[in-house]
Amino acid sequence: MKSLATILNVFILMTLSLTAVAENSTHTGGYTIHHNALTTDSLPAQVATAYGLQRSKNRALLNVSVIRDEPGTMGIPVRATIRAVARTLYGQIRPVELREIVEDKAIYYIADFPVAHREALMFDFEIMPEGGRYPLRAHMRQEFFTN
């Protein structure tokens, strides 16, 4: 049976390709930061239950992973300290509390939070990979459709 982290990752990648969202990753400092967000209503029930997430059109899931680039491989997942902040188009700041999920060799950081229809959030990430020398920065923008 596939691990829940694998199911979650495959589901998110399929969702992103189906919705024609641009690649949501940042390459910096020898790492690739994968970051994406979607409403939780489309999560498989098994995944939502396993991670304690409420399935709802008005809740979003933020997923972040940090991969150390290794030549000849797809990279190595690493633990990291991640500070995430979401900003609305009006400049309101919402801290986002990520929690770490480790399953087999996969390491993910997830958070869920309320969203409104057509709400656009700008996410700023400050990432300190375990064993890293300096913090990395990444950004993304996501608009949520809840109707």
N, C-alpha and C. Protein backbone atom coordinates (compact mmCIF):
# COMPACT_ATOMS: atom_id res chain seq x y z
N MET A 1 0.84 -1.19 0.00
CA MET A 1 0.00 0.00 0.00
C MET A 1 0.88 1.25 0.00
N LYS A 2 0.52 2.21 -0.80
CA LYS A 2 1.29 3.45 -0.88
C LYS A 2 1.17 4.23 0.41
N SER A 3 2.22 4.97 0.76
CA SER A 3 2.19 5.79 1.95
C SER A 3 1.26 6.98 1.73
N LEU A 4 0.74 7.51 2.82
CA LEU A 4 -0.15 8.67 2.72
C LEU A 4 0.58 9.89 2.18
N ALA A 5 1.85 10.05 2.54
CA ALA A 5 2.62 11.18 2.00
C ALA A 5 2.73 11.07 0.49
N THR A 6 2.95 9.86 -0.01
CA THR A 6 3.03 9.66 -1.45
C THR A 6 1.70 9.96 -2.11
N ILE A 7 0.61 9.49 -1.51
CA ILE A 7 -0.73 9.76 -2.05
C ILE A 7 -0.99 11.25 -2.08
N LEU A 8 -0.65 11.95 -0.99
CA LEU A 8 -0.85 13.40 -0.93
C LEU A 8 -0.03 14.10 -2.01
N ASN A 9 1.23 13.74 -2.15
CA ASN A 9 2.09 14.39 -3.13
C ASN A 9 1.59 14.14 -4.56
N VAL A 10 1.25 12.90 -4.87
CA VAL A 10 0.75 12.58 -6.21
C VAL A 10 -0.55 13.33 -6.48
N PHE A 11 -1.44 13.38 -5.49
CA PHE A 11 -2.71 14.09 -5.65
C PHE A 11 -2.47 15.57 -5.94
N ILE A 12 -1.59 16.19 -5.17
CA ILE A 12 -1.32 17.61 -5.37
C ILE A 12 -0.71 17.86 -6.75
N LEU A 13 0.24 17.02 -7.16
CA LEU A 13 0.84 17.19 -8.48
C LEU A 13 -0.19 17.02 -9.59
N MET A 14 -1.10 16.05 -9.45
CA MET A 14 -2.15 15.86 -10.46
C MET A 14 -3.08 17.06 -10.49
N THR A 15 -3.44 17.57 -9.32
CA THR A 15 -4.32 18.73 -9.25
C THR A 15 -3.69 19.93 -9.92
N LEU A 16 -2.41 20.15 -9.66
CA LEU A 16 -1.72 21.29 -10.26
C LEU A 16 -1.67 21.18 -11.77
N SER A 17 -1.40 19.99 -12.29
CA SER A 17 -1.32 19.84 -13.74
C SER A 17 -2.70 19.98 -14.37
N LEU A 18 -3.74 19.54 -13.69
CA LEU A 18 -5.09 19.66 -14.23
C LEU A 18 -5.58 21.10 -14.27
N THR A 19 -5.10 21.91 -13.32
CA THR A 19 -5.57 23.29 -13.27
C THR A 19 -4.62 24.24 -13.99
N ALA A 20 -3.63 23.70 -14.65
CA ALA A 20 -2.68 24.49 -15.45
C ALA A 20 -1.98 25.57 -14.63
N VAL A 21 -1.64 25.24 -13.41
CA VAL A 21 -0.90 26.15 -12.56
C VAL A 21 0.57 26.06 -12.94
N ALA A 22 1.25 27.19 -12.95
CA ALA A 22 2.67 27.19 -13.26
C ALA A 22 3.42 26.37 -12.22
N GLU A 23 4.63 25.94 -12.59
CA GLU A 23 5.41 25.14 -11.66
C GLU A 23 5.59 25.93 -10.36
N ASN A 24 5.30 25.30 -9.26
CA ASN A 24 5.40 25.94 -7.96
C ASN A 24 6.63 25.45 -7.23
N SER A 25 7.78 25.85 -7.72
CA SER A 25 9.02 25.52 -7.03
C SER A 25 10.01 26.66 -7.23
N THR A 26 10.93 26.72 -6.29
CA THR A 26 11.97 27.73 -6.32
C THR A 26 13.31 27.01 -6.20
N HIS A 27 14.23 27.29 -7.11
CA HIS A 27 15.57 26.72 -7.06
C HIS A 27 16.51 27.80 -6.51
N THR A 28 17.15 27.50 -5.38
CA THR A 28 18.03 28.49 -4.76
C THR A 28 19.04 27.81 -3.84
N GLY A 29 20.26 28.27 -3.88
CA GLY A 29 21.28 27.83 -2.94
C GLY A 29 21.52 26.34 -2.88
N GLY A 30 21.35 25.63 -4.00
CA GLY A 30 21.57 24.19 -4.01
C GLY A 30 20.38 23.38 -3.53
N TYR A 31 19.21 24.02 -3.44
CA TYR A 31 17.99 23.35 -2.98
C TYR A 31 16.85 23.67 -3.95
N THR A 32 15.87 22.80 -3.97
CA THR A 32 14.62 23.07 -4.66
C THR A 32 13.53 23.07 -3.59
N ILE A 33 12.82 24.19 -3.50
CA ILE A 33 11.72 24.34 -2.56
C ILE A 33 10.43 24.13 -3.36
N HIS A 34 9.69 23.08 -3.05
CA HIS A 34 8.39 22.85 -3.70
C HIS A 34 7.33 23.44 -2.78
N HIS A 35 6.44 24.25 -3.36
CA HIS A 35 5.40 24.90 -2.56
C HIS A 35 4.13 24.99 -3.39
N ASN A 36 3.02 24.62 -2.77
CA ASN A 36 1.74 24.73 -3.44
C ASN A 36 0.62 24.83 -2.41
N ALA A 37 -0.53 25.30 -2.89
CA ALA A 37 -1.69 25.46 -2.02
C ALA A 37 -2.95 25.16 -2.82
N LEU A 38 -3.92 24.55 -2.17
CA LEU A 38 -5.20 24.23 -2.81
C LEU A 38 -6.27 24.11 -1.74
N THR A 39 -7.52 24.19 -2.15
CA THR A 39 -8.59 24.03 -1.17
C THR A 39 -8.68 22.55 -0.77
N THR A 40 -9.06 22.32 0.47
CA THR A 40 -9.03 20.96 1.02
C THR A 40 -10.22 20.11 0.59
N ASP A 41 -11.23 20.69 -0.06
CA ASP A 41 -12.39 19.89 -0.47
C ASP A 41 -12.02 18.82 -1.49
N SER A 42 -10.93 19.00 -2.21
CA SER A 42 -10.55 18.03 -3.24
C SER A 42 -9.57 16.98 -2.72
N LEU A 43 -9.18 17.05 -1.46
CA LEU A 43 -8.31 16.03 -0.90
C LEU A 43 -9.07 14.71 -0.76
N PRO A 44 -8.43 13.60 -1.03
CA PRO A 44 -9.07 12.31 -0.74
C PRO A 44 -9.38 12.22 0.76
N ALA A 45 -10.51 11.64 1.11
CA ALA A 45 -10.94 11.54 2.50
C ALA A 45 -9.88 10.86 3.36
N GLN A 46 -9.22 9.84 2.82
CA GLN A 46 -8.19 9.10 3.55
C GLN A 46 -7.03 10.03 3.95
N VAL A 47 -6.63 10.89 3.05
CA VAL A 47 -5.53 11.83 3.32
C VAL A 47 -5.97 12.86 4.36
N ALA A 48 -7.15 13.43 4.18
CA ALA A 48 -7.66 14.44 5.12
C ALA A 48 -7.74 13.87 6.53
N THR A 49 -8.28 12.68 6.66
CA THR A 49 -8.40 12.04 7.97
C THR A 49 -7.04 11.78 8.58
N ALA A 50 -6.13 11.24 7.80
CA ALA A 50 -4.80 10.88 8.30
C ALA A 50 -4.04 12.09 8.83
N TYR A 51 -4.22 13.25 8.21
CA TYR A 51 -3.49 14.44 8.61
C TYR A 51 -4.32 15.41 9.45
N GLY A 52 -5.52 15.01 9.83
CA GLY A 52 -6.36 15.85 10.67
C GLY A 52 -6.82 17.11 9.99
N LEU A 53 -7.10 17.02 8.68
CA LEU A 53 -7.54 18.18 7.90
C LEU A 53 -9.04 18.13 7.66
N GLN A 54 -9.68 19.27 7.74
CA GLN A 54 -11.10 19.38 7.43
C GLN A 54 -11.25 19.59 5.93
N ARG A 55 -12.05 18.74 5.28
CA ARG A 55 -12.30 18.92 3.85
C ARG A 55 -13.36 19.99 3.68
N SER A 56 -13.01 21.08 2.98
CA SER A 56 -13.93 22.20 2.81
C SER A 56 -13.45 23.08 1.67
N LYS A 57 -14.42 23.66 0.95
CA LYS A 57 -14.07 24.64 -0.09
C LYS A 57 -13.48 25.90 0.52
N ASN A 58 -13.78 26.14 1.80
CA ASN A 58 -13.34 27.37 2.46
C ASN A 58 -12.11 27.18 3.34
N ARG A 59 -11.41 26.07 3.13
CA ARG A 59 -10.14 25.85 3.82
C ARG A 59 -9.09 25.49 2.78
N ALA A 60 -7.89 25.96 3.01
CA ALA A 60 -6.79 25.68 2.08
C ALA A 60 -5.71 24.88 2.77
N LEU A 61 -4.97 24.15 1.96
CA LEU A 61 -3.82 23.39 2.42
C LEU A 61 -2.57 23.96 1.75
N LEU A 62 -1.59 24.31 2.55
CA LEU A 62 -0.29 24.73 2.05
C LEU A 62 0.66 23.57 2.27
N ASN A 63 1.42 23.22 1.24
CA ASN A 63 2.34 22.10 1.30
C ASN A 63 3.71 22.59 0.83
N VAL A 64 4.74 22.36 1.66
CA VAL A 64 6.10 22.80 1.33
C VAL A 64 7.04 21.63 1.56
N SER A 65 7.97 21.41 0.63
CA SER A 65 9.03 20.43 0.85
C SER A 65 10.34 21.03 0.39
N VAL A 66 11.41 20.59 1.02
CA VAL A 66 12.75 21.11 0.75
C VAL A 66 13.60 19.94 0.27
N ILE A 67 14.14 20.07 -0.94
CA ILE A 67 14.93 19.01 -1.56
C ILE A 67 16.34 19.54 -1.83
N ARG A 68 17.33 18.86 -1.25
CA ARG A 68 18.72 19.24 -1.55
C ARG A 68 19.08 18.67 -2.91
N ASP A 69 19.56 19.52 -3.79
CA ASP A 69 19.93 19.08 -5.13
C ASP A 69 21.16 18.19 -5.06
N GLU A 70 21.08 17.01 -5.66
CA GLU A 70 22.19 16.06 -5.74
C GLU A 70 22.32 15.62 -7.18
N PRO A 71 23.46 15.88 -7.81
CA PRO A 71 23.64 15.47 -9.21
C PRO A 71 23.38 13.98 -9.39
N GLY A 72 22.68 13.64 -10.48
CA GLY A 72 22.40 12.26 -10.80
C GLY A 72 21.24 11.66 -10.04
N THR A 73 20.56 12.48 -9.21
CA THR A 73 19.40 11.99 -8.46
C THR A 73 18.26 12.99 -8.62
N MET A 74 17.11 12.62 -8.06
CA MET A 74 15.97 13.55 -8.03
C MET A 74 16.07 14.48 -6.82
N GLY A 75 17.15 14.38 -6.07
CA GLY A 75 17.35 15.22 -4.89
C GLY A 75 17.06 14.44 -3.62
N ILE A 76 17.45 15.04 -2.50
CA ILE A 76 17.27 14.39 -1.20
C ILE A 76 16.42 15.28 -0.32
N PRO A 77 15.26 14.76 0.17
CA PRO A 77 14.43 15.55 1.08
C PRO A 77 15.21 15.84 2.37
N VAL A 78 15.10 17.06 2.85
CA VAL A 78 15.77 17.45 4.09
C VAL A 78 14.79 18.14 5.03
N ARG A 79 15.08 18.02 6.31
CA ARG A 79 14.31 18.75 7.31
C ARG A 79 14.72 20.22 7.23
N ALA A 80 13.81 21.07 7.66
CA ALA A 80 14.09 22.51 7.63
C ALA A 80 13.22 23.22 8.66
N THR A 81 13.68 24.37 9.04
CA THR A 81 12.85 25.29 9.82
C THR A 81 12.27 26.26 8.80
N ILE A 82 10.94 26.33 8.75
CA ILE A 82 10.29 27.16 7.74
C ILE A 82 9.38 28.17 8.42
N ARG A 83 9.59 29.44 8.08
CA ARG A 83 8.69 30.50 8.52
C ARG A 83 7.89 30.92 7.31
N ALA A 84 6.57 30.83 7.43
CA ALA A 84 5.69 31.18 6.31
C ALA A 84 4.73 32.28 6.75
N VAL A 85 4.54 33.24 5.86
CA VAL A 85 3.61 34.33 6.09
C VAL A 85 2.77 34.49 4.83
N ALA A 86 1.46 34.65 5.02
CA ALA A 86 0.56 34.92 3.89
C ALA A 86 0.12 36.37 3.99
N ARG A 87 0.12 37.06 2.83
CA ARG A 87 -0.33 38.45 2.78
C ARG A 87 -1.48 38.54 1.80
N THR A 88 -2.51 39.30 2.17
CA THR A 88 -3.61 39.56 1.25
C THR A 88 -3.20 40.69 0.32
N LEU A 89 -3.99 40.92 -0.70
CA LEU A 89 -3.70 42.02 -1.63
C LEU A 89 -3.81 43.38 -0.94
N TYR A 90 -4.47 43.40 0.22
CA TYR A 90 -4.62 44.65 0.99
C TYR A 90 -3.50 44.82 2.01
N GLY A 91 -2.56 43.89 2.02
CA GLY A 91 -1.42 43.99 2.92
C GLY A 91 -1.62 43.38 4.29
N GLN A 92 -2.78 42.77 4.53
CA GLN A 92 -2.99 42.11 5.82
C GLN A 92 -2.09 40.88 5.89
N ILE A 93 -1.47 40.70 7.04
CA ILE A 93 -0.53 39.59 7.22
C ILE A 93 -1.17 38.51 8.07
N ARG A 94 -0.99 37.27 7.60
CA ARG A 94 -1.46 36.10 8.33
C ARG A 94 -0.28 35.15 8.53
N PRO A 95 0.16 34.95 9.77
CA PRO A 95 1.19 33.94 9.98
C PRO A 95 0.60 32.56 9.66
N VAL A 96 1.41 31.68 9.13
CA VAL A 96 0.97 30.33 8.78
C VAL A 96 1.83 29.36 9.57
N GLU A 97 1.20 28.54 10.38
CA GLU A 97 1.92 27.58 11.22
C GLU A 97 2.03 26.24 10.49
N LEU A 98 3.22 25.92 10.02
CA LEU A 98 3.46 24.67 9.33
C LEU A 98 3.81 23.58 10.34
N ARG A 99 3.37 22.36 10.04
CA ARG A 99 3.78 21.22 10.86
C ARG A 99 4.47 20.20 9.98
N GLU A 100 5.44 19.54 10.56
CA GLU A 100 6.27 18.60 9.81
C GLU A 100 5.60 17.23 9.73
N ILE A 101 5.65 16.66 8.55
CA ILE A 101 5.19 15.29 8.30
C ILE A 101 6.39 14.51 7.76
N VAL A 102 6.77 13.44 8.45
CA VAL A 102 7.85 12.58 7.99
C VAL A 102 7.27 11.19 7.82
N GLU A 103 7.40 10.67 6.62
CA GLU A 103 6.91 9.33 6.35
C GLU A 103 7.87 8.67 5.37
N ASP A 104 8.46 7.57 5.81
CA ASP A 104 9.50 6.91 5.03
C ASP A 104 10.59 7.94 4.75
N LYS A 105 10.92 8.17 3.48
CA LYS A 105 11.96 9.14 3.14
C LYS A 105 11.39 10.51 2.80
N ALA A 106 10.07 10.65 2.81
CA ALA A 106 9.43 11.92 2.46
C ALA A 106 9.34 12.84 3.69
N ILE A 107 9.59 14.13 3.45
CA ILE A 107 9.46 15.14 4.50
C ILE A 107 8.64 16.29 3.90
N TYR A 108 7.52 16.60 4.55
CA TYR A 108 6.64 17.66 4.08
C TYR A 108 6.32 18.57 5.24
N TYR A 109 5.95 19.79 4.93
CA TYR A 109 5.47 20.74 5.92
C TYR A 109 4.11 21.22 5.43
N ILE A 110 3.08 21.08 6.26
CA ILE A 110 1.73 21.44 5.84
C ILE A 110 1.08 22.37 6.85
N ALA A 111 0.13 23.14 6.35
CA ALA A 111 -0.69 24.00 7.18
C ALA A 111 -2.05 24.12 6.52
N ASP A 112 -3.08 24.26 7.32
CA ASP A 112 -4.39 24.55 6.74
C ASP A 112 -4.94 25.81 7.40
N PHE A 113 -5.77 26.52 6.63
CA PHE A 113 -6.25 27.82 7.08
C PHE A 113 -7.49 28.18 6.27
N PRO A 114 -8.31 29.10 6.80
CA PRO A 114 -9.53 29.51 6.07
C PRO A 114 -9.20 30.41 4.88
N VAL A 115 -10.02 30.30 3.83
CA VAL A 115 -9.91 31.18 2.66
C VAL A 115 -11.31 31.55 2.18
N ALA A 116 -11.39 32.66 1.47
CA ALA A 116 -12.65 33.13 0.89
C ALA A 116 -12.58 32.99 -0.63
N HIS A 117 -13.74 33.06 -1.27
CA HIS A 117 -13.81 32.95 -2.72
C HIS A 117 -13.02 34.09 -3.38
N ARG A 118 -12.19 33.73 -4.35
CA ARG A 118 -11.35 34.64 -5.13
C ARG A 118 -10.31 35.36 -4.28
N GLU A 119 -10.04 34.83 -3.10
CA GLU A 119 -9.01 35.44 -2.26
C GLU A 119 -7.64 35.09 -2.83
N ALA A 120 -6.82 36.10 -3.02
CA ALA A 120 -5.46 35.91 -3.52
C ALA A 120 -4.50 36.16 -2.36
N LEU A 121 -3.63 35.20 -2.12
CA LEU A 121 -2.65 35.32 -1.06
C LEU A 121 -1.25 35.23 -1.64
N MET A 122 -0.38 36.05 -1.10
CA MET A 122 1.04 36.01 -1.46
C MET A 122 1.75 35.36 -0.27
N PHE A 123 2.45 34.29 -0.54
CA PHE A 123 3.16 33.56 0.50
C PHE A 123 4.65 33.89 0.42
N ASP A 124 5.22 34.20 1.57
CA ASP A 124 6.66 34.43 1.68
C ASP A 124 7.20 33.36 2.62
N PHE A 125 8.27 32.69 2.17
CA PHE A 125 8.88 31.62 2.96
C PHE A 125 10.32 31.98 3.28
N GLU A 126 10.70 31.75 4.52
CA GLU A 126 12.11 31.80 4.92
C GLU A 126 12.44 30.40 5.41
N ILE A 127 13.39 29.77 4.74
CA ILE A 127 13.67 28.35 4.97
C ILE A 127 15.12 28.18 5.40
N MET A 128 15.32 27.51 6.52
CA MET A 128 16.67 27.17 6.96
C MET A 128 16.79 25.65 6.93
N PRO A 129 17.39 25.12 5.85
CA PRO A 129 17.53 23.66 5.76
C PRO A 129 18.46 23.14 6.86
N GLU A 130 18.17 21.96 7.37
CA GLU A 130 19.04 21.33 8.36
C GLU A 130 20.43 21.18 7.73
N GLY A 131 21.43 21.68 8.41
CA GLY A 131 22.79 21.63 7.89
C GLY A 131 23.12 22.74 6.91
N GLY A 132 22.14 23.63 6.63
CA GLY A 132 22.37 24.73 5.71
C GLY A 132 23.20 25.83 6.35
N ARG A 133 23.77 26.67 5.51
CA ARG A 133 24.63 27.76 5.98
C ARG A 133 23.89 29.07 6.14
N TYR A 134 22.83 29.24 5.35
CA TYR A 134 22.10 30.50 5.40
C TYR A 134 20.65 30.24 5.01
N PRO A 135 19.74 31.13 5.43
CA PRO A 135 18.32 30.92 5.10
C PRO A 135 18.06 31.14 3.61
N LEU A 136 17.11 30.39 3.09
CA LEU A 136 16.67 30.51 1.71
C LEU A 136 15.34 31.24 1.70
N ARG A 137 15.03 31.89 0.59
CA ARG A 137 13.75 32.60 0.47
C ARG A 137 13.02 32.10 -0.76
N ALA A 138 11.70 32.00 -0.61
CA ALA A 138 10.84 31.61 -1.73
C ALA A 138 9.53 32.37 -1.59
N HIS A 139 8.85 32.53 -2.71
CA HIS A 139 7.58 33.26 -2.74
C HIS A 139 6.63 32.56 -3.69
N MET A 140 5.35 32.71 -3.43
CA MET A 140 4.35 32.25 -4.39
C MET A 140 3.07 33.03 -4.18
N ARG A 141 2.25 33.05 -5.20
CA ARG A 141 0.95 33.70 -5.16
C ARG A 141 -0.08 32.65 -5.53
N GLN A 142 -1.19 32.62 -4.81
CA GLN A 142 -2.25 31.65 -5.10
C GLN A 142 -3.61 32.32 -4.92
N GLU A 143 -4.47 32.14 -5.89
CA GLU A 143 -5.86 32.60 -5.76
C GLU A 143 -6.73 31.37 -5.53
N PHE A 144 -7.67 31.49 -4.59
CA PHE A 144 -8.52 30.37 -4.22
C PHE A 144 -9.94 30.58 -4.73
N PHE A 145 -10.52 29.55 -5.29
CA PHE A 145 -11.89 29.59 -5.81
C PHE A 145 -12.71 28.62 -4.97
N THR A 146 -13.68 29.18 -4.25
CA THR A 146 -14.44 28.35 -3.29
C THR A 146 -15.88 28.12 -3.70
N ASN A 147 -16.35 28.76 -4.76
CA ASN A 147 -17.75 28.57 -5.18
C ASN A 147 -17.88 27.41 -6.14
